Amino acid sequence: MLTCQRLRGAVFLSAFLLITGLVLEFAGRSFAFPAPVMALALLSGLAALAILAVTFVTALLPGNARRLAECRKGTLLLG
């Protein structure tokens, strides 16, 4: 069950993991033994991609698409 708050949370988590992966990659280049740090950077980037892909596919399901459309209407009325 996907709600607007969970959708926003998944997108922010994905962005956070992507930024973390980029920071770890640049940090790993400055270490003498960068393999573990680079592995964490790769896993972080792949996790960000996986979370975003699963969220996208879940949002396309018929029940969730309807619920998210209604949520969008609700937020437009408030703003």
N, C-alpha and C. Protein backbone atom coordinates (compact mmCIF):
# COMPACT_ATOMS: atom_id res chain seq x y z
N MET A 1 0.84 -1.17 0.00
CA MET A 1 0.00 0.00 0.00
C MET A 1 0.90 1.24 0.00
N LEU A 2 0.78 2.03 -1.04
CA LEU A 2 1.63 3.19 -1.21
C LEU A 2 0.83 4.46 -0.97
N THR A 3 1.30 5.26 -0.05
CA THR A 3 0.65 6.55 0.21
C THR A 3 1.61 7.65 -0.22
N CYS A 4 1.13 8.87 -0.18
CA CYS A 4 1.97 10.00 -0.58
C CYS A 4 3.19 10.13 0.32
N GLN A 5 3.00 9.92 1.62
CA GLN A 5 4.11 10.04 2.55
C GLN A 5 5.16 8.96 2.28
N ARG A 6 4.71 7.75 2.02
CA ARG A 6 5.65 6.66 1.73
C ARG A 6 6.36 6.88 0.40
N LEU A 7 5.65 7.42 -0.58
CA LEU A 7 6.27 7.72 -1.86
C LEU A 7 7.36 8.77 -1.69
N ARG A 8 7.05 9.83 -0.97
CA ARG A 8 8.05 10.88 -0.70
C ARG A 8 9.23 10.31 0.08
N GLY A 9 8.93 9.49 1.08
CA GLY A 9 9.99 8.88 1.88
C GLY A 9 10.91 8.00 1.04
N ALA A 10 10.33 7.23 0.12
CA ALA A 10 11.14 6.36 -0.74
C ALA A 10 12.02 7.18 -1.67
N VAL A 11 11.48 8.27 -2.20
CA VAL A 11 12.28 9.11 -3.10
C VAL A 11 13.40 9.79 -2.32
N PHE A 12 13.12 10.29 -1.11
CA PHE A 12 14.16 10.92 -0.31
C PHE A 12 15.21 9.90 0.14
N LEU A 13 14.79 8.69 0.49
CA LEU A 13 15.73 7.65 0.86
C LEU A 13 16.62 7.29 -0.32
N SER A 14 16.05 7.20 -1.50
CA SER A 14 16.83 6.90 -2.70
C SER A 14 17.84 8.01 -2.97
N ALA A 15 17.42 9.25 -2.85
CA ALA A 15 18.34 10.37 -3.06
C ALA A 15 19.45 10.36 -2.01
N PHE A 16 19.10 10.09 -0.76
CA PHE A 16 20.10 10.03 0.30
C PHE A 16 21.12 8.93 0.04
N LEU A 17 20.66 7.76 -0.39
CA LEU A 17 21.58 6.66 -0.68
C LEU A 17 22.48 6.99 -1.87
N LEU A 18 21.93 7.67 -2.86
CA LEU A 18 22.74 8.05 -4.01
C LEU A 18 23.82 9.05 -3.62
N ILE A 19 23.46 10.05 -2.83
CA ILE A 19 24.44 11.03 -2.37
C ILE A 19 25.49 10.37 -1.47
N THR A 20 25.04 9.46 -0.62
CA THR A 20 25.98 8.72 0.23
C THR A 20 26.95 7.91 -0.61
N GLY A 21 26.45 7.27 -1.65
CA GLY A 21 27.32 6.51 -2.54
C GLY A 21 28.35 7.38 -3.23
N LEU A 22 27.93 8.56 -3.67
CA LEU A 22 28.87 9.47 -4.31
C LEU A 22 29.94 9.97 -3.34
N VAL A 23 29.52 10.30 -2.12
CA VAL A 23 30.48 10.75 -1.11
C VAL A 23 31.45 9.63 -0.76
N LEU A 24 30.93 8.41 -0.63
CA LEU A 24 31.81 7.28 -0.32
C LEU A 24 32.79 7.01 -1.45
N GLU A 25 32.35 7.19 -2.68
CA GLU A 25 33.25 6.97 -3.81
C GLU A 25 34.40 7.97 -3.79
N PHE A 26 34.07 9.25 -3.59
CA PHE A 26 35.12 10.26 -3.54
C PHE A 26 36.02 10.07 -2.32
N ALA A 27 35.45 9.64 -1.21
CA ALA A 27 36.26 9.37 -0.01
C ALA A 27 37.15 8.14 -0.22
N GLY A 28 36.63 7.16 -0.92
CA GLY A 28 37.40 5.95 -1.17
C GLY A 28 38.63 6.18 -2.02
N ARG A 29 38.59 7.19 -2.86
CA ARG A 29 39.74 7.49 -3.69
C ARG A 29 40.91 8.05 -2.89
N SER A 30 40.65 8.57 -1.70
CA SER A 30 41.72 9.15 -0.89
C SER A 30 42.33 8.15 0.09
N PHE A 31 41.75 6.96 0.23
CA PHE A 31 42.29 5.95 1.13
C PHE A 31 43.34 5.11 0.42
N ALA A 32 44.25 4.52 1.21
CA ALA A 32 45.28 3.66 0.64
C ALA A 32 44.69 2.33 0.18
N PHE A 33 43.64 1.87 0.87
CA PHE A 33 43.00 0.60 0.51
C PHE A 33 41.51 0.88 0.29
N PRO A 34 41.14 1.31 -0.91
CA PRO A 34 39.78 1.80 -1.13
C PRO A 34 38.73 0.73 -1.43
N ALA A 35 39.11 -0.54 -1.51
CA ALA A 35 38.16 -1.56 -1.94
C ALA A 35 36.90 -1.65 -1.06
N PRO A 36 37.01 -1.69 0.27
CA PRO A 36 35.77 -1.78 1.07
C PRO A 36 34.88 -0.54 0.94
N VAL A 37 35.50 0.62 0.87
CA VAL A 37 34.72 1.86 0.76
C VAL A 37 34.04 1.93 -0.60
N MET A 38 34.76 1.53 -1.64
CA MET A 38 34.18 1.54 -2.98
C MET A 38 33.05 0.50 -3.09
N ALA A 39 33.19 -0.62 -2.39
CA ALA A 39 32.12 -1.62 -2.40
C ALA A 39 30.87 -1.07 -1.73
N LEU A 40 31.05 -0.34 -0.62
CA LEU A 40 29.91 0.29 0.04
C LEU A 40 29.27 1.35 -0.85
N ALA A 41 30.10 2.08 -1.58
CA ALA A 41 29.58 3.09 -2.50
C ALA A 41 28.75 2.43 -3.60
N LEU A 42 29.25 1.32 -4.14
CA LEU A 42 28.51 0.60 -5.18
C LEU A 42 27.19 0.06 -4.65
N LEU A 43 27.24 -0.55 -3.46
CA LEU A 43 26.01 -1.08 -2.87
C LEU A 43 25.01 0.02 -2.57
N SER A 44 25.49 1.16 -2.12
CA SER A 44 24.61 2.29 -1.84
C SER A 44 23.93 2.79 -3.12
N GLY A 45 24.69 2.92 -4.19
CA GLY A 45 24.12 3.34 -5.47
C GLY A 45 23.13 2.35 -6.02
N LEU A 46 23.44 1.06 -5.91
CA LEU A 46 22.52 0.04 -6.40
C LEU A 46 21.25 -0.03 -5.55
N ALA A 47 21.40 0.17 -4.25
CA ALA A 47 20.22 0.18 -3.37
C ALA A 47 19.32 1.37 -3.70
N ALA A 48 19.92 2.52 -4.00
CA ALA A 48 19.13 3.69 -4.39
C ALA A 48 18.35 3.41 -5.66
N LEU A 49 19.00 2.79 -6.63
CA LEU A 49 18.33 2.45 -7.88
C LEU A 49 17.21 1.43 -7.65
N ALA A 50 17.47 0.44 -6.82
CA ALA A 50 16.46 -0.59 -6.55
C ALA A 50 15.24 -0.01 -5.85
N ILE A 51 15.46 0.84 -4.87
CA ILE A 51 14.34 1.46 -4.14
C ILE A 51 13.49 2.31 -5.07
N LEU A 52 14.16 3.09 -5.92
CA LEU A 52 13.43 3.94 -6.85
C LEU A 52 12.66 3.11 -7.88
N ALA A 53 13.26 2.02 -8.36
CA ALA A 53 12.58 1.17 -9.35
C ALA A 53 11.36 0.47 -8.74
N VAL A 54 11.52 -0.05 -7.53
CA VAL A 54 10.40 -0.73 -6.86
C VAL A 54 9.27 0.26 -6.57
N THR A 55 9.63 1.45 -6.15
CA THR A 55 8.62 2.47 -5.88
C THR A 55 7.89 2.86 -7.15
N PHE A 56 8.62 2.98 -8.25
CA PHE A 56 8.01 3.34 -9.52
C PHE A 56 7.04 2.26 -9.99
N VAL A 57 7.46 1.01 -9.92
CA VAL A 57 6.60 -0.10 -10.35
C VAL A 57 5.38 -0.20 -9.44
N THR A 58 5.56 -0.02 -8.15
CA THR A 58 4.44 -0.07 -7.21
C THR A 58 3.46 1.06 -7.47
N ALA A 59 3.97 2.23 -7.82
CA ALA A 59 3.09 3.37 -8.09
C ALA A 59 2.27 3.17 -9.36
N LEU A 60 2.73 2.32 -10.26
CA LEU A 60 2.00 2.08 -11.50
C LEU A 60 0.86 1.09 -11.35
N LEU A 61 0.81 0.36 -10.25
CA LEU A 61 -0.27 -0.59 -10.04
C LEU A 61 -1.60 0.15 -9.96
N PRO A 62 -2.69 -0.43 -10.49
CA PRO A 62 -3.96 0.30 -10.60
C PRO A 62 -4.49 0.90 -9.30
N GLY A 63 -4.50 0.16 -8.24
CA GLY A 63 -5.02 0.69 -6.97
C GLY A 63 -4.18 1.83 -6.43
N ASN A 64 -2.87 1.68 -6.53
CA ASN A 64 -1.99 2.73 -6.03
C ASN A 64 -2.04 3.97 -6.89
N ALA A 65 -2.16 3.79 -8.20
CA ALA A 65 -2.22 4.95 -9.10
C ALA A 65 -3.46 5.79 -8.78
N ARG A 66 -4.57 5.13 -8.53
CA ARG A 66 -5.80 5.85 -8.17
C ARG A 66 -5.64 6.60 -6.85
N ARG A 67 -5.06 5.92 -5.87
CA ARG A 67 -4.88 6.52 -4.54
C ARG A 67 -3.93 7.72 -4.62
N LEU A 68 -2.86 7.60 -5.40
CA LEU A 68 -1.92 8.70 -5.52
C LEU A 68 -2.51 9.87 -6.29
N ALA A 69 -3.40 9.60 -7.25
CA ALA A 69 -4.07 10.68 -7.98
C ALA A 69 -4.99 11.46 -7.04
N GLU A 70 -5.68 10.76 -6.16
CA GLU A 70 -6.55 11.43 -5.19
C GLU A 70 -5.73 12.24 -4.19
N CYS A 71 -4.59 11.74 -3.81
CA CYS A 71 -3.73 12.46 -2.88
C CYS A 71 -3.22 13.74 -3.53
N ARG A 72 -2.91 13.66 -4.80
CA ARG A 72 -2.44 14.84 -5.52
C ARG A 72 -3.53 15.90 -5.58
N LYS A 73 -4.78 15.47 -5.77
CA LYS A 73 -5.89 16.42 -5.79
C LYS A 73 -6.06 17.07 -4.42
N GLY A 74 -5.88 16.29 -3.36
CA GLY A 74 -6.01 16.81 -2.01
C GLY A 74 -4.95 17.84 -1.68
N THR A 75 -3.73 17.63 -2.15
CA THR A 75 -2.68 18.59 -1.87
C THR A 75 -2.83 19.83 -2.72
N LEU A 76 -3.41 19.70 -3.90
CA LEU A 76 -3.62 20.87 -4.73
C LEU A 76 -4.68 21.79 -4.13
N LEU A 77 -5.68 21.17 -3.47
CA LEU A 77 -6.73 22.00 -2.85
C LEU A 77 -6.20 22.76 -1.65
N LEU A 78 -5.24 22.15 -0.94
CA LEU A 78 -4.70 22.82 0.23
C LEU A 78 -3.79 23.98 -0.15
N GLY A 79 -3.06 23.84 -1.26
CA GLY A 79 -2.09 24.86 -1.65
C GLY A 79 -2.74 25.88 -2.45
